[in-house]
Amino acid sequence: MISETSAGDATRLEWFKSSYSDSSNSNECVEVATTPGAVHVRDSKNVKGPRLTFGPSAWAGFVSHAAEH
């Protein structure tokens, strides 16, 4: 996992929320953007703030783990 700020080409990323997000409280969600070789995650309340970047296998492992819990 790589922690990074929102500097750089963040404006070119296409961010989306999960279809499982609670639309009645849209402030409690993370947004995800994918690029070849990386998955970027940010807080939907602070889109210019820090974001996390994961490699594809690390992200797949996280999603698998989260789905089980």
Protein backbone atom coordinates (compact mmCIF):
# COMPACT_ATOMS: atom_id res chain seq x y z
CA MET A 1 0.00 0.00 0.00
CA ILE A 2 1.24 3.48 -0.85
CA SER A 3 -0.06 6.54 0.94
CA GLU A 4 0.04 9.71 -1.14
CA THR A 5 -1.49 13.15 -1.28
CA SER A 6 -3.85 14.29 -4.00
CA ALA A 7 -1.12 16.13 -5.91
CA GLY A 8 -0.37 15.06 -9.45
CA ASP A 9 -2.80 13.81 -12.07
CA ALA A 10 -5.70 13.16 -9.67
CA THR A 11 -7.96 15.25 -11.90
CA ARG A 12 -7.59 12.67 -14.67
CA LEU A 13 -8.90 9.84 -12.52
CA GLU A 14 -12.53 8.82 -12.85
CA TRP A 15 -13.81 8.36 -9.30
CA PHE A 16 -16.88 6.29 -8.41
CA LYS A 17 -18.72 5.07 -5.34
CA SER A 18 -19.95 1.58 -4.72
CA SER A 19 -23.47 0.75 -5.81
CA TYR A 20 -23.91 -0.43 -2.20
CA SER A 21 -23.32 3.09 -0.84
CA ASP A 22 -26.14 4.46 1.27
CA SER A 23 -27.65 7.23 -0.84
CA SER A 24 -29.39 8.71 2.21
CA ASN A 25 -26.01 9.61 3.73
CA SER A 26 -23.58 10.16 0.86
CA ASN A 27 -20.96 11.70 3.18
CA GLU A 28 -20.01 8.34 4.65
CA CYS A 29 -18.34 6.73 1.69
CA VAL A 30 -15.06 6.24 -0.03
CA GLU A 31 -14.53 6.70 -3.74
CA VAL A 32 -12.38 4.51 -5.96
CA ALA A 33 -10.56 5.17 -9.23
CA THR A 34 -8.69 2.54 -11.20
CA THR A 35 -5.72 2.81 -13.51
CA PRO A 36 -3.66 0.08 -15.12
CA GLY A 37 -1.66 -1.29 -12.21
CA ALA A 38 -3.25 0.72 -9.36
CA VAL A 39 -6.45 1.31 -7.42
CA HIS A 40 -6.83 4.73 -5.79
CA VAL A 41 -9.10 5.32 -2.77
CA ARG A 42 -10.17 8.64 -1.25
CA ASP A 43 -12.66 9.99 1.29
CA SER A 44 -15.75 11.35 -0.45
CA LYS A 45 -15.96 14.17 2.11
CA ASN A 46 -12.41 15.35 1.36
CA VAL A 47 -11.78 14.84 -2.35
CA LYS A 48 -8.69 17.06 -2.37
CA GLY A 49 -7.22 15.38 0.69
CA PRO A 50 -4.92 12.35 0.95
CA ARG A 51 -5.66 9.16 -0.89
CA LEU A 52 -4.37 5.61 -0.77
CA THR A 53 -3.03 3.68 -3.71
CA PHE A 54 -3.02 -0.12 -3.82
CA GLY A 55 -1.62 -2.59 -6.30
CA PRO A 56 -4.26 -4.77 -7.97
CA SER A 57 -3.48 -7.91 -5.93
CA ALA A 58 -3.53 -5.99 -2.62
CA TRP A 59 -6.89 -4.44 -3.55
CA ALA A 60 -8.33 -7.81 -4.58
CA GLY A 61 -7.21 -9.26 -1.25
CA PHE A 62 -8.83 -6.40 0.66
CA VAL A 63 -12.12 -6.68 -1.24
CA SER A 64 -12.20 -10.45 -0.70
CA HIS A 65 -11.55 -10.03 3.02
CA ALA A 66 -14.13 -7.22 3.38
CA ALA A 67 -16.78 -9.28 1.57
CA GLU A 68 -16.36 -12.06 4.11
CA HIS A 69 -16.87 -9.77 7.13
